[in-house]
Amino acid sequence: MRIYTCSILIVCLLGISCKSAYEKSILPVDRMKLVMWDMLKADELYLSILAKDSTAKKRKENVRLYEQVFLIHHISKGKFDSSYKYYETHPVQFKILIDSLEAFSTRERDRISENHSNAH
């Protein structure tokens, strides 16, 4: 019985350590928020380019812009994709991420608005 209990304990500890290693490979909320912010800006830029240049879709301009975001943040597409998938499958963490992104967006909008009003 004691061997059985020890075996269960070891399996549980291994499971926890594996999950921790997986979670360590995920971008933390503060970093993921910044990557997502830049991805949103890249989407906006792509849409404005597409409105002026219909060949941008054929040239996969959106992919080029995303690759620039990954380079700026020193991550791979795979790292972003796995992190995003993690947050999608963990609703509490995803809500924290989205709330953080929304608060960041509000601060940025206020900062830009303040700079714009100070310029006049």
PDB file of N, CA and C in Angstrom:
ATOM      1  N   MET A   1       0.826  -1.203   0.000  1.00  0.00           N
ATOM      2  CA  MET A   1       0.000   0.000   0.000  1.00  0.00           C
ATOM      3  C   MET A   1       0.862   1.256   0.000  1.00  0.00           C
ATOM      4  N   ARG A   2       1.942   1.195   0.766  1.00  0.00           N
ATOM      5  CA  ARG A   2       2.821   2.355   0.846  1.00  0.00           C
ATOM      6  C   ARG A   2       3.495   2.628  -0.504  1.00  0.00           C
ATOM      7  N   ILE A   3       3.876   1.555  -1.208  1.00  0.00           N
ATOM      8  CA  ILE A   3       4.492   1.705  -2.523  1.00  0.00           C
ATOM      9  C   ILE A   3       3.480   2.319  -3.487  1.00  0.00           C
ATOM     10  N   TYR A   4       2.239   1.893  -3.398  1.00  0.00           N
ATOM     11  CA  TYR A   4       1.177   2.432  -4.263  1.00  0.00           C
ATOM     12  C   TYR A   4       1.005   3.923  -4.006  1.00  0.00           C
ATOM     13  N   THR A   5       0.976   4.340  -2.759  1.00  0.00           N
ATOM     14  CA  THR A   5       0.820   5.752  -2.396  1.00  0.00           C
ATOM     15  C   THR A   5       2.001   6.570  -2.900  1.00  0.00           C
ATOM     16  N   CYS A   6       3.207   6.042  -2.733  1.00  0.00           N
ATOM     17  CA  CYS A   6       4.403   6.739  -3.216  1.00  0.00           C
ATOM     18  C   CYS A   6       4.373   6.869  -4.742  1.00  0.00           C
ATOM     19  N   SER A   7       3.925   5.822  -5.411  1.00  0.00           N
ATOM     20  CA  SER A   7       3.840   5.854  -6.873  1.00  0.00           C
ATOM     21  C   SER A   7       2.866   6.929  -7.334  1.00  0.00           C
ATOM     22  N   ILE A   8       1.725   7.002  -6.691  1.00  0.00           N
ATOM     23  CA  ILE A   8       0.722   8.024  -7.036  1.00  0.00           C
ATOM     24  C   ILE A   8       1.297   9.416  -6.805  1.00  0.00           C
ATOM     25  N   LEU A   9       1.980   9.602  -5.699  1.00  0.00           N
ATOM     26  CA  LEU A   9       2.575  10.888  -5.364  1.00  0.00           C
ATOM     27  C   LEU A   9       3.615  11.290  -6.418  1.00  0.00           C
ATOM     28  N   ILE A  10       4.443  10.361  -6.839  1.00  0.00           N
ATOM     29  CA  ILE A  10       5.470  10.642  -7.848  1.00  0.00           C
ATOM     30  C   ILE A  10       4.826  11.012  -9.180  1.00  0.00           C
ATOM     31  N   VAL A  11       3.800  10.276  -9.576  1.00  0.00           N
ATOM     32  CA  VAL A  11       3.105  10.566 -10.832  1.00  0.00           C
ATOM     33  C   VAL A  11       2.485  11.962 -10.778  1.00  0.00           C
ATOM     34  N   CYS A  12       1.874  12.301  -9.650  1.00  0.00           N
ATOM     35  CA  CYS A  12       1.278  13.638  -9.501  1.00  0.00           C
ATOM     36  C   CYS A  12       2.345  14.726  -9.583  1.00  0.00           C
ATOM     37  N   LEU A  13       3.476  14.525  -8.920  1.00  0.00           N
ATOM     38  CA  LEU A  13       4.551  15.511  -8.952  1.00  0.00           C
ATOM     39  C   LEU A  13       5.107  15.669 -10.358  1.00  0.00           C
ATOM     40  N   LEU A  14       5.247  14.558 -11.071  1.00  0.00           N
ATOM     41  CA  LEU A  14       5.716  14.635 -12.456  1.00  0.00           C
ATOM     42  C   LEU A  14       4.709  15.384 -13.322  1.00  0.00           C
ATOM     43  N   GLY A  15       3.443  15.142 -13.107  1.00  0.00           N
ATOM     44  CA  GLY A  15       2.407  15.839 -13.857  1.00  0.00           C
ATOM     45  C   GLY A  15       2.445  17.335 -13.606  1.00  0.00           C
ATOM     46  N   ILE A  16       2.634  17.726 -12.374  1.00  0.00           N
ATOM     47  CA  ILE A  16       2.703  19.146 -12.031  1.00  0.00           C
ATOM     48  C   ILE A  16       3.936  19.775 -12.653  1.00  0.00           C
ATOM     49  N   SER A  17       5.080  19.091 -12.585  1.00  0.00           N
ATOM     50  CA  SER A  17       6.304  19.668 -13.142  1.00  0.00           C
ATOM     51  C   SER A  17       6.226  19.767 -14.660  1.00  0.00           C
ATOM     52  N   CYS A  18       5.586  18.823 -15.325  1.00  0.00           N
ATOM     53  CA  CYS A  18       5.431  18.899 -16.779  1.00  0.00           C
ATOM     54  C   CYS A  18       4.533  20.073 -17.156  1.00  0.00           C
ATOM     55  N   LYS A  19       3.456  20.242 -16.433  1.00  0.00           N
ATOM     56  CA  LYS A  19       2.558  21.357 -16.709  1.00  0.00           C
ATOM     57  C   LYS A  19       3.290  22.675 -16.494  1.00  0.00           C
ATOM     58  N   SER A  20       4.083  22.755 -15.451  1.00  0.00           N
ATOM     59  CA  SER A  20       4.823  23.980 -15.182  1.00  0.00           C
ATOM     60  C   SER A  20       5.811  24.271 -16.309  1.00  0.00           C
ATOM     61  N   ALA A  21       6.471  23.253 -16.822  1.00  0.00           N
ATOM     62  CA  ALA A  21       7.415  23.443 -17.920  1.00  0.00           C
ATOM     63  C   ALA A  21       6.667  23.935 -19.159  1.00  0.00           C
ATOM     64  N   TYR A  22       5.486  23.365 -19.410  1.00  0.00           N
ATOM     65  CA  TYR A  22       4.680  23.810 -20.548  1.00  0.00           C
ATOM     66  C   TYR A  22       4.256  25.257 -20.354  1.00  0.00           C
ATOM     67  N   GLU A  23       3.766  25.579 -19.188  1.00  0.00           N
ATOM     68  CA  GLU A  23       3.312  26.943 -18.928  1.00  0.00           C
ATOM     69  C   GLU A  23       4.466  27.940 -18.975  1.00  0.00           C
ATOM     70  N   LYS A  24       5.676  27.504 -18.630  1.00  0.00           N
ATOM     71  CA  LYS A  24       6.834  28.394 -18.714  1.00  0.00           C
ATOM     72  C   LYS A  24       7.170  28.741 -20.157  1.00  0.00           C
ATOM     73  N   SER A  25       6.776  27.879 -21.099  1.00  0.00           N
ATOM     74  CA  SER A  25       7.058  28.143 -22.506  1.00  0.00           C
ATOM     75  C   SER A  25       6.037  29.111 -23.120  1.00  0.00           C
ATOM     76  N   ILE A  26       5.011  29.438 -22.360  1.00  0.00           N
ATOM     77  CA  ILE A  26       3.965  30.354 -22.831  1.00  0.00           C
ATOM     78  C   ILE A  26       4.372  31.787 -22.495  1.00  0.00           C
ATOM     79  N   LEU A  27       4.082  32.709 -23.412  1.00  0.00           N
ATOM     80  CA  LEU A  27       4.374  34.116 -23.149  1.00  0.00           C
ATOM     81  C   LEU A  27       3.532  34.602 -21.970  1.00  0.00           C
ATOM     82  N   PRO A  28       4.144  35.269 -20.994  1.00  0.00           N
ATOM     83  CA  PRO A  28       3.361  35.797 -19.874  1.00  0.00           C
ATOM     84  C   PRO A  28       2.416  36.907 -20.347  1.00  0.00           C
ATOM     85  N   VAL A  29       1.389  37.161 -19.563  1.00  0.00           N
ATOM     86  CA  VAL A  29       0.343  38.121 -19.937  1.00  0.00           C
ATOM     87  C   VAL A  29       0.924  39.466 -20.360  1.00  0.00           C
ATOM     88  N   ASP A  30       1.848  40.019 -19.573  1.00  0.00           N
ATOM     89  CA  ASP A  30       2.387  41.343 -19.902  1.00  0.00           C
ATOM     90  C   ASP A  30       3.106  41.365 -21.242  1.00  0.00           C
ATOM     91  N   ARG A  31       3.772  40.295 -21.576  1.00  0.00           N
ATOM     92  CA  ARG A  31       4.477  40.243 -22.864  1.00  0.00           C
ATOM     93  C   ARG A  31       3.510  39.924 -24.006  1.00  0.00           C
ATOM     94  N   MET A  32       2.597  39.004 -23.759  1.00  0.00           N
ATOM     95  CA  MET A  32       1.616  38.619 -24.779  1.00  0.00           C
ATOM     96  C   MET A  32       0.740  39.813 -25.139  1.00  0.00           C
ATOM     97  N   LYS A  33       0.407  40.628 -24.155  1.00  0.00           N
ATOM     98  CA  LYS A  33      -0.405  41.825 -24.380  1.00  0.00           C
ATOM     99  C   LYS A  33       0.277  42.743 -25.391  1.00  0.00           C
ATOM    100  N   LEU A  34       1.571  42.938 -25.249  1.00  0.00           N
ATOM    101  CA  LEU A  34       2.314  43.820 -26.152  1.00  0.00           C
ATOM    102  C   LEU A  34       2.401  43.242 -27.563  1.00  0.00           C
ATOM    103  N   VAL A  35       2.587  41.929 -27.645  1.00  0.00           N
ATOM    104  CA  VAL A  35       2.629  41.285 -28.963  1.00  0.00           C
ATOM    105  C   VAL A  35       1.265  41.417 -29.641  1.00  0.00           C
ATOM    106  N   MET A  36       0.204  41.148 -28.886  1.00  0.00           N
ATOM    107  CA  MET A  36      -1.135  41.250 -29.467  1.00  0.00           C
ATOM    108  C   MET A  36      -1.456  42.690 -29.876  1.00  0.00           C
ATOM    109  N   TRP A  37      -1.003  43.659 -29.086  1.00  0.00           N
ATOM    110  CA  TRP A  37      -1.213  45.068 -29.432  1.00  0.00           C
ATOM    111  C   TRP A  37      -0.564  45.378 -30.784  1.00  0.00           C
ATOM    112  N   ASP A  38       0.669  44.905 -30.960  1.00  0.00           N
ATOM    113  CA  ASP A  38       1.360  45.144 -32.224  1.00  0.00           C
ATOM    114  C   ASP A  38       0.721  44.369 -33.377  1.00  0.00           C
ATOM    115  N   MET A  39       0.183  43.188 -33.084  1.00  0.00           N
ATOM    116  CA  MET A  39      -0.517  42.427 -34.123  1.00  0.00           C
ATOM    117  C   MET A  39      -1.779  43.179 -34.565  1.00  0.00           C
ATOM    118  N   LEU A  40      -2.483  43.768 -33.622  1.00  0.00           N
ATOM    119  CA  LEU A  40      -3.676  44.557 -33.961  1.00  0.00           C
ATOM    120  C   LEU A  40      -3.303  45.774 -34.807  1.00  0.00           C
ATOM    121  N   LYS A  41      -2.198  46.426 -34.437  1.00  0.00           N
ATOM    122  CA  LYS A  41      -1.737  47.574 -35.234  1.00  0.00           C
ATOM    123  C   LYS A  41      -1.324  47.114 -36.632  1.00  0.00           C
ATOM    124  N   ALA A  42      -0.694  45.957 -36.738  1.00  0.00           N
ATOM    125  CA  ALA A  42      -0.310  45.411 -38.042  1.00  0.00           C
ATOM    126  C   ALA A  42      -1.557  45.126 -38.883  1.00  0.00           C
ATOM    127  N   ASP A  43      -2.604  44.616 -38.258  1.00  0.00           N
ATOM    128  CA  ASP A  43      -3.865  44.374 -38.978  1.00  0.00           C
ATOM    129  C   ASP A  43      -4.450  45.675 -39.510  1.00  0.00           C
ATOM    130  N   GLU A  44      -4.436  46.714 -38.692  1.00  0.00           N
ATOM    131  CA  GLU A  44      -4.954  48.009 -39.134  1.00  0.00           C
ATOM    132  C   GLU A  44      -4.137  48.554 -40.305  1.00  0.00           C
ATOM    133  N   LEU A  45      -2.826  48.447 -40.205  1.00  0.00           N
ATOM    134  CA  LEU A  45      -1.959  48.903 -41.287  1.00  0.00           C
ATOM    135  C   LEU A  45      -2.235  48.114 -42.562  1.00  0.00           C
ATOM    136  N   TYR A  46      -2.384  46.797 -42.421  1.00  0.00           N
ATOM    137  CA  TYR A  46      -2.667  45.948 -43.576  1.00  0.00           C
ATOM    138  C   TYR A  46      -3.979  46.366 -44.242  1.00  0.00           C
ATOM    139  N   LEU A  47      -4.998  46.633 -43.453  1.00  0.00           N
ATOM    140  CA  LEU A  47      -6.284  47.042 -44.028  1.00  0.00           C
ATOM    141  C   LEU A  47      -6.177  48.374 -44.765  1.00  0.00           C
ATOM    142  N   SER A  48      -5.380  49.290 -44.220  1.00  0.00           N
ATOM    143  CA  SER A  48      -5.216  50.575 -44.916  1.00  0.00           C
ATOM    144  C   SER A  48      -4.408  50.398 -46.204  1.00  0.00           C
ATOM    145  N   ILE A  49      -3.422  49.518 -46.188  1.00  0.00           N
ATOM    146  CA  ILE A  49      -2.643  49.226 -47.408  1.00  0.00           C
ATOM    147  C   ILE A  49      -3.538  48.560 -48.443  1.00  0.00           C
ATOM    148  N   LEU A  50      -4.347  47.611 -47.986  1.00  0.00           N
ATOM    149  CA  LEU A  50      -5.232  46.865 -48.878  1.00  0.00           C
ATOM    150  C   LEU A  50      -6.261  47.780 -49.538  1.00  0.00           C
ATOM    151  N   ALA A  51      -6.712  48.799 -48.819  1.00  0.00           N
ATOM    152  CA  ALA A  51      -7.678  49.742 -49.383  1.00  0.00           C
ATOM    153  C   ALA A  51      -7.074  50.528 -50.540  1.00  0.00           C
ATOM    154  N   LYS A  52      -5.769  50.741 -50.507  1.00  0.00           N
ATOM    155  CA  LYS A  52      -5.090  51.521 -51.546  1.00  0.00           C
ATOM    156  C   LYS A  52      -4.444  50.648 -52.621  1.00  0.00           C
ATOM    157  N   ASP A  53      -4.128  49.405 -52.254  1.00  0.00           N
ATOM    158  CA  ASP A  53      -3.354  48.544 -53.152  1.00  0.00           C
ATOM    159  C   ASP A  53      -3.925  47.128 -53.117  1.00  0.00           C
ATOM    160  N   SER A  54      -4.705  46.784 -54.129  1.00  0.00           N
ATOM    161  CA  SER A  54      -5.360  45.477 -54.147  1.00  0.00           C
ATOM    162  C   SER A  54      -4.373  44.314 -54.319  1.00  0.00           C
ATOM    163  N   THR A  55      -3.152  44.606 -54.740  1.00  0.00           N
ATOM    164  CA  THR A  55      -2.166  43.524 -54.910  1.00  0.00           C
ATOM    165  C   THR A  55      -1.528  43.122 -53.576  1.00  0.00           C
ATOM    166  N   ALA A  56      -1.799  43.875 -52.510  1.00  0.00           N
ATOM    167  CA  ALA A  56      -1.209  43.562 -51.204  1.00  0.00           C
ATOM    168  C   ALA A  56      -1.632  42.182 -50.719  1.00  0.00           C
ATOM    169  N   LYS A  57      -2.859  41.789 -51.056  1.00  0.00           N
ATOM    170  CA  LYS A  57      -3.343  40.469 -50.638  1.00  0.00           C
ATOM    171  C   LYS A  57      -2.545  39.363 -51.330  1.00  0.00           C
ATOM    172  N   LYS A  58      -2.288  39.550 -52.618  1.00  0.00           N
ATOM    173  CA  LYS A  58      -1.509  38.558 -53.373  1.00  0.00           C
ATOM    174  C   LYS A  58      -0.077  38.479 -52.849  1.00  0.00           C
ATOM    175  N   ARG A  59       0.466  39.621 -52.441  1.00  0.00           N
ATOM    176  CA  ARG A  59       1.845  39.660 -51.941  1.00  0.00           C
ATOM    177  C   ARG A  59       1.932  39.202 -50.486  1.00  0.00           C
ATOM    178  N   LYS A  60       0.789  38.870 -49.908  1.00  0.00           N
ATOM    179  CA  LYS A  60       0.718  38.421 -48.512  1.00  0.00           C
ATOM    180  C   LYS A  60       1.373  39.437 -47.577  1.00  0.00           C
ATOM    181  N   GLU A  61       0.979  40.674 -47.776  1.00  0.00           N
ATOM    182  CA  GLU A  61       1.529  41.779 -46.986  1.00  0.00           C
ATOM    183  C   GLU A  61       1.247  41.587 -45.498  1.00  0.00           C
ATOM    184  N   ASN A  62       0.088  40.998 -45.167  1.00  0.00           N
ATOM    185  CA  ASN A  62      -0.234  40.772 -43.753  1.00  0.00           C
ATOM    186  C   ASN A  62       0.758  39.806 -43.102  1.00  0.00           C
ATOM    187  N   VAL A  63       1.172  38.803 -43.817  1.00  0.00           N
ATOM    188  CA  VAL A  63       2.145  37.841 -43.289  1.00  0.00           C
ATOM    189  C   VAL A  63       3.477  38.537 -43.030  1.00  0.00           C
ATOM    190  N   ARG A  64       3.882  39.401 -43.953  1.00  0.00           N
ATOM    191  CA  ARG A  64       5.132  40.148 -43.783  1.00  0.00           C
ATOM    192  C   ARG A  64       5.065  41.043 -42.542  1.00  0.00           C
ATOM    193  N   LEU A  65       3.927  41.689 -42.340  1.00  0.00           N
ATOM    194  CA  LEU A  65       3.763  42.558 -41.167  1.00  0.00           C
ATOM    195  C   LEU A  65       3.803  41.738 -39.869  1.00  0.00           C
ATOM    196  N   TYR A  66       3.148  40.578 -39.866  1.00  0.00           N
ATOM    197  CA  TYR A  66       3.182  39.719 -38.677  1.00  0.00           C
ATOM    198  C   TYR A  66       4.605  39.261 -38.386  1.00  0.00           C
ATOM    199  N   GLU A  67       5.338  38.905 -39.424  1.00  0.00           N
ATOM    200  CA  GLU A  67       6.724  38.474 -39.228  1.00  0.00           C
ATOM    201  C   GLU A  67       7.561  39.590 -38.608  1.00  0.00           C
ATOM    202  N   GLN A  68       7.289  40.830 -39.006  1.00  0.00           N
ATOM    203  CA  GLN A  68       7.999  41.965 -38.393  1.00  0.00           C
ATOM    204  C   GLN A  68       7.678  42.079 -36.910  1.00  0.00           C
ATOM    205  N   VAL A  69       6.418  41.860 -36.556  1.00  0.00           N
ATOM    206  CA  VAL A  69       6.025  41.901 -35.137  1.00  0.00           C
ATOM    207  C   VAL A  69       6.781  40.822 -34.360  1.00  0.00           C
ATOM    208  N   PHE A  70       6.850  39.620 -34.914  1.00  0.00           N
ATOM    209  CA  PHE A  70       7.565  38.532 -34.238  1.00  0.00           C
ATOM    210  C   PHE A  70       9.042  38.875 -34.073  1.00  0.00           C
ATOM    211  N   LEU A  71       9.643  39.475 -35.094  1.00  0.00           N
ATOM    212  CA  LEU A  71      11.050  39.878 -35.005  1.00  0.00           C
ATOM    213  C   LEU A  71      11.257  40.940 -33.930  1.00  0.00           C
ATOM    214  N   ILE A  72      10.390  41.921 -33.891  1.00  0.00           N
ATOM    215  CA  ILE A  72      10.495  42.994 -32.895  1.00  0.00           C
ATOM    216  C   ILE A  72      10.448  42.426 -31.478  1.00  0.00           C
ATOM    217  N   HIS A  73       9.581  41.435 -31.277  1.00  0.00           N
ATOM    218  CA  HIS A  73       9.398  40.870 -29.932  1.00  0.00           C
ATOM    219  C   HIS A  73      10.288  39.642 -29.676  1.00  0.00           C
ATOM    220  N   HIS A  74      11.128  39.305 -30.646  1.00  0.00           N
ATOM    221  CA  HIS A  74      12.073  38.186 -30.512  1.00  0.00           C
ATOM    222  C   HIS A  74      11.360  36.874 -30.184  1.00  0.00           C
ATOM    223  N   ILE A  75      10.292  36.610 -30.931  1.00  0.00           N
ATOM    224  CA  ILE A  75       9.573  35.344 -30.776  1.00  0.00           C
ATOM    225  C   ILE A  75       9.327  34.750 -32.158  1.00  0.00           C
ATOM    226  N   SER A  76       8.942  33.492 -32.174  1.00  0.00           N
ATOM    227  CA  SER A  76       8.595  32.837 -33.430  1.00  0.00           C
ATOM    228  C   SER A  76       7.073  32.815 -33.576  1.00  0.00           C
ATOM    229  N   LYS A  77       6.632  32.536 -34.788  1.00  0.00           N
ATOM    230  CA  LYS A  77       5.196  32.389 -35.026  1.00  0.00           C
ATOM    231  C   LYS A  77       4.659  31.242 -34.181  1.00  0.00           C
ATOM    232  N   GLY A  78       5.444  30.177 -34.078  1.00  0.00           N
ATOM    233  CA  GLY A  78       5.034  29.024 -33.278  1.00  0.00           C
ATOM    234  C   GLY A  78       4.856  29.368 -31.809  1.00  0.00           C
ATOM    235  N   LYS A  79       5.767  30.185 -31.281  1.00  0.00           N
ATOM    236  CA  LYS A  79       5.672  30.623 -29.883  1.00  0.00           C
ATOM    237  C   LYS A  79       4.402  31.442 -29.673  1.00  0.00           C
ATOM    238  N   PHE A  80       4.115  32.348 -30.615  1.00  0.00           N
ATOM    239  CA  PHE A  80       2.896  33.143 -30.509  1.00  0.00           C
ATOM    240  C   PHE A  80       1.675  32.237 -30.602  1.00  0.00           C
ATOM    241  N   ASP A  81       1.656  31.355 -31.595  1.00  0.00           N
ATOM    242  CA  ASP A  81       0.498  30.479 -31.796  1.00  0.00           C
ATOM    243  C   ASP A  81       0.240  29.592 -30.584  1.00  0.00           C
ATOM    244  N   SER A  82       1.299  28.989 -30.027  1.00  0.00           N
ATOM    245  CA  SER A  82       1.102  28.114 -28.865  1.00  0.00           C
ATOM    246  C   SER A  82       0.655  28.917 -27.643  1.00  0.00           C
ATOM    247  N   SER A  83       1.177  30.128 -27.498  1.00  0.00           N
ATOM    248  CA  SER A  83       0.763  30.977 -26.381  1.00  0.00           C
ATOM    249  C   SER A  83      -0.700  31.372 -26.535  1.00  0.00           C
ATOM    250  N   TYR A  84      -1.076  31.764 -27.743  1.00  0.00           N
ATOM    251  CA  TYR A  84      -2.468  32.164 -27.985  1.00  0.00           C
ATOM    252  C   TYR A  84      -3.412  30.990 -27.743  1.00  0.00           C
ATOM    253  N   LYS A  85      -3.014  29.817 -28.205  1.00  0.00           N
ATOM    254  CA  LYS A  85      -3.841  28.618 -28.001  1.00  0.00           C
ATOM    255  C   LYS A  85      -3.991  28.319 -26.505  1.00  0.00           C
ATOM    256  N   TYR A  86      -2.899  28.496 -25.743  1.00  0.00           N
ATOM    257  CA  TYR A  86      -2.956  28.295 -24.297  1.00  0.00           C
ATOM    258  C   TYR A  86      -3.998  29.220 -23.671  1.00  0.00           C
ATOM    259  N   TYR A  87      -3.917  30.515 -24.016  1.00  0.00           N
ATOM    260  CA  TYR A  87      -4.855  31.470 -23.433  1.00  0.00           C
ATOM    261  C   TYR A  87      -6.295  31.170 -23.854  1.00  0.00           C
ATOM    262  N   GLU A  88      -6.490  30.746 -25.096  1.00  0.00           N
ATOM    263  CA  GLU A  88      -7.838  30.399 -25.554  1.00  0.00           C
ATOM    264  C   GLU A  88      -8.425  29.238 -24.772  1.00  0.00           C
ATOM    265  N   THR A  89      -7.586  28.306 -24.375  1.00  0.00           N
ATOM    266  CA  THR A  89      -8.074  27.121 -23.663  1.00  0.00           C
ATOM    267  C   THR A  89      -8.077  27.290 -22.143  1.00  0.00           C
ATOM    268  N   HIS A  90      -7.673  28.458 -21.665  1.00  0.00           N
ATOM    269  CA  HIS A  90      -7.705  28.781 -20.230  1.00  0.00           C
ATOM    270  C   HIS A  90      -8.480  30.090 -20.057  1.00  0.00           C
ATOM    271  N   PRO A  91      -9.806  29.988 -19.955  1.00  0.00           N
ATOM    272  CA  PRO A  91     -10.660  31.183 -19.967  1.00  0.00           C
ATOM    273  C   PRO A  91     -10.307  32.245 -18.917  1.00  0.00           C
ATOM    274  N   VAL A  92      -9.915  31.844 -17.741  1.00  0.00           N
ATOM    275  CA  VAL A  92      -9.576  32.828 -16.709  1.00  0.00           C
ATOM    276  C   VAL A  92      -8.335  33.618 -17.136  1.00  0.00           C
ATOM    277  N   GLN A  93      -7.311  32.915 -17.594  1.00  0.00           N
ATOM    278  CA  GLN A  93      -6.099  33.575 -18.058  1.00  0.00           C
ATOM    279  C   GLN A  93      -6.377  34.440 -19.293  1.00  0.00           C
ATOM    280  N   PHE A  94      -7.260  33.943 -20.182  1.00  0.00           N
ATOM    281  CA  PHE A  94      -7.600  34.688 -21.394  1.00  0.00           C
ATOM    282  C   PHE A  94      -8.304  35.998 -21.036  1.00  0.00           C
ATOM    283  N   LYS A  95      -9.195  35.941 -20.053  1.00  0.00           N
ATOM    284  CA  LYS A  95      -9.883  37.157 -19.614  1.00  0.00           C
ATOM    285  C   LYS A  95      -8.889  38.159 -19.032  1.00  0.00           C
ATOM    286  N   ILE A  96      -7.932  37.660 -18.260  1.00  0.00           N
ATOM    287  CA  ILE A  96      -6.892  38.541 -17.709  1.00  0.00           C
ATOM    288  C   ILE A  96      -6.115  39.197 -18.844  1.00  0.00           C
ATOM    289  N   LEU A  97      -5.767  38.409 -19.854  1.00  0.00           N
ATOM    290  CA  LEU A  97      -5.032  38.930 -21.014  1.00  0.00           C
ATOM    291  C   LEU A  97      -5.847  39.994 -21.748  1.00  0.00           C
ATOM    292  N   ILE A  98      -7.089  39.700 -22.033  1.00  0.00           N
ATOM    293  CA  ILE A  98      -7.939  40.635 -22.778  1.00  0.00           C
ATOM    294  C   ILE A  98      -8.186  41.905 -21.961  1.00  0.00           C
ATOM    295  N   ASP A  99      -8.430  41.756 -20.662  1.00  0.00           N
ATOM    296  CA  ASP A  99      -8.606  42.939 -19.801  1.00  0.00           C
ATOM    297  C   ASP A  99      -7.349  43.794 -19.779  1.00  0.00           C
ATOM    298  N   SER A 100      -6.201  43.142 -19.721  1.00  0.00           N
ATOM    299  CA  SER A 100      -4.919  43.842 -19.720  1.00  0.00           C
ATOM    300  C   SER A 100      -4.706  44.575 -21.043  1.00  0.00           C
ATOM    301  N   LEU A 101      -5.049  43.916 -22.135  1.00  0.00           N
ATOM    302  CA  LEU A 101      -4.936  44.522 -23.459  1.00  0.00           C
ATOM    303  C   LEU A 101      -5.879  45.726 -23.591  1.00  0.00           C
ATOM    304  N   GLU A 102      -7.073  45.592 -23.069  1.00  0.00           N
ATOM    305  CA  GLU A 102      -8.036  46.695 -23.128  1.00  0.00           C
ATOM    306  C   GLU A 102      -7.548  47.889 -22.300  1.00  0.00           C
ATOM    307  N   ALA A 103      -7.017  47.628 -21.106  1.00  0.00           N
ATOM    308  CA  ALA A 103      -6.494  48.711 -20.270  1.00  0.00           C
ATOM    309  C   ALA A 103      -5.307  49.389 -20.957  1.00  0.00           C
ATOM    310  N   PHE A 104      -4.443  48.599 -21.573  1.00  0.00           N
ATOM    311  CA  PHE A 104      -3.298  49.147 -22.301  1.00  0.00           C
ATOM    312  C   PHE A 104      -3.775  50.021 -23.451  1.00  0.00           C
ATOM    313  N   SER A 105      -4.776  49.548 -24.167  1.00  0.00           N
ATOM    314  CA  SER A 105      -5.339  50.294 -25.283  1.00  0.00           C
ATOM    315  C   SER A 105      -5.898  51.638 -24.821  1.00  0.00           C
ATOM    316  N   THR A 106      -6.599  51.625 -23.712  1.00  0.00           N
ATOM    317  CA  THR A 106      -7.161  52.862 -23.162  1.00  0.00           C
ATOM    318  C   THR A 106      -6.057  53.839 -22.785  1.00  0.00           C
ATOM    319  N   ARG A 107      -5.004  53.334 -22.146  1.00  0.00           N
ATOM    320  CA  ARG A 107      -3.879  54.202 -21.774  1.00  0.00           C
ATOM    321  C   ARG A 107      -3.201  54.789 -23.010  1.00  0.00           C
ATOM    322  N   GLU A 108      -3.022  53.974 -24.030  1.00  0.00           N
ATOM    323  CA  GLU A 108      -2.396  54.451 -25.264  1.00  0.00           C
ATOM    324  C   GLU A 108      -3.262  55.513 -25.940  1.00  0.00           C
ATOM    325  N   ARG A 109      -4.559  55.256 -26.000  1.00  0.00           N
ATOM    326  CA  ARG A 109      -5.477  56.221 -26.616  1.00  0.00           C
ATOM    327  C   ARG A 109      -5.444  57.541 -25.846  1.00  0.00           C
ATOM    328  N   ASP A 110      -5.464  57.473 -24.518  1.00  0.00           N
ATOM    329  CA  ASP A 110      -5.405  58.684 -23.695  1.00  0.00           C
ATOM    330  C   ASP A 110      -4.090  59.428 -23.896  1.00  0.00           C
ATOM    331  N   ARG A 111      -2.995  58.678 -23.980  1.00  0.00           N
ATOM    332  CA  ARG A 111      -1.679  59.283 -24.178  1.00  0.00           C
ATOM    333  C   ARG A 111      -1.609  60.006 -25.520  1.00  0.00           C
ATOM    334  N   ILE A 112      -2.112  59.358 -26.553  1.00  0.00           N
ATOM    335  CA  ILE A 112      -2.113  59.966 -27.893  1.00  0.00           C
ATOM    336  C   ILE A 112      -3.009  61.194 -27.913  1.00  0.00           C
ATOM    337  N   SER A 113      -4.156  61.082 -27.294  1.00  0.00           N
ATOM    338  CA  SER A 113      -5.089  62.216 -27.236  1.00  0.00           C
ATOM    339  C   SER A 113      -4.467  63.394 -26.492  1.00  0.00           C
ATOM    340  N   GLU A 114      -3.784  63.094 -25.398  1.00  0.00           N
ATOM    341  CA  GLU A 114      -3.126  64.143 -24.610  1.00  0.00           C
ATOM    342  C   GLU A 114      -2.004  64.806 -25.408  1.00  0.00           C
ATOM    343  N   ASN A 115      -1.199  64.003 -26.094  1.00  0.00           N
ATOM    344  CA  ASN A 115      -0.122  64.549 -26.929  1.00  0.00           C
ATOM    345  C   ASN A 115      -0.687  65.390 -28.061  1.00  0.00           C
ATOM    346  N   HIS A 116      -1.788  64.953 -28.615  1.00  0.00           N
ATOM    347  CA  HIS A 116      -2.409  65.692 -29.715  1.00  0.00           C
ATOM    348  C   HIS A 116      -2.959  67.038 -29.216  1.00  0.00           C
ATOM    349  N   SER A 117      -3.591  67.034 -28.053  1.00  0.00           N
ATOM    350  CA  SER A 117      -4.149  68.288 -27.535  1.00  0.00           C
ATOM    351  C   SER A 117      -3.053  69.234 -27.062  1.00  0.00           C
ATOM    352  N   ASN A 118      -1.926  68.711 -26.599  1.00  0.00           N
ATOM    353  CA  ASN A 118      -0.797  69.555 -26.188  1.00  0.00           C
ATOM    354  C   ASN A 118      -0.091  70.176 -27.389  1.00  0.00           C
ATOM    355  N   ALA A 119      -0.200  69.517 -28.536  1.00  0.00           N
ATOM    356  CA  ALA A 119       0.451  70.043 -29.737  1.00  0.00           C
ATOM    357  C   ALA A 119      -0.284  71.260 -30.302  1.00  0.00           C
ATOM    358  N   HIS A 120      -1.536  71.397 -29.934  1.00  0.00           N
ATOM    359  CA  HIS A 120      -2.318  72.531 -30.464  1.00  0.00           C
ATOM    360  C   HIS A 120      -2.312  73.625 -29.492  1.00  0.00           C
TER     361      HIS A 120
END
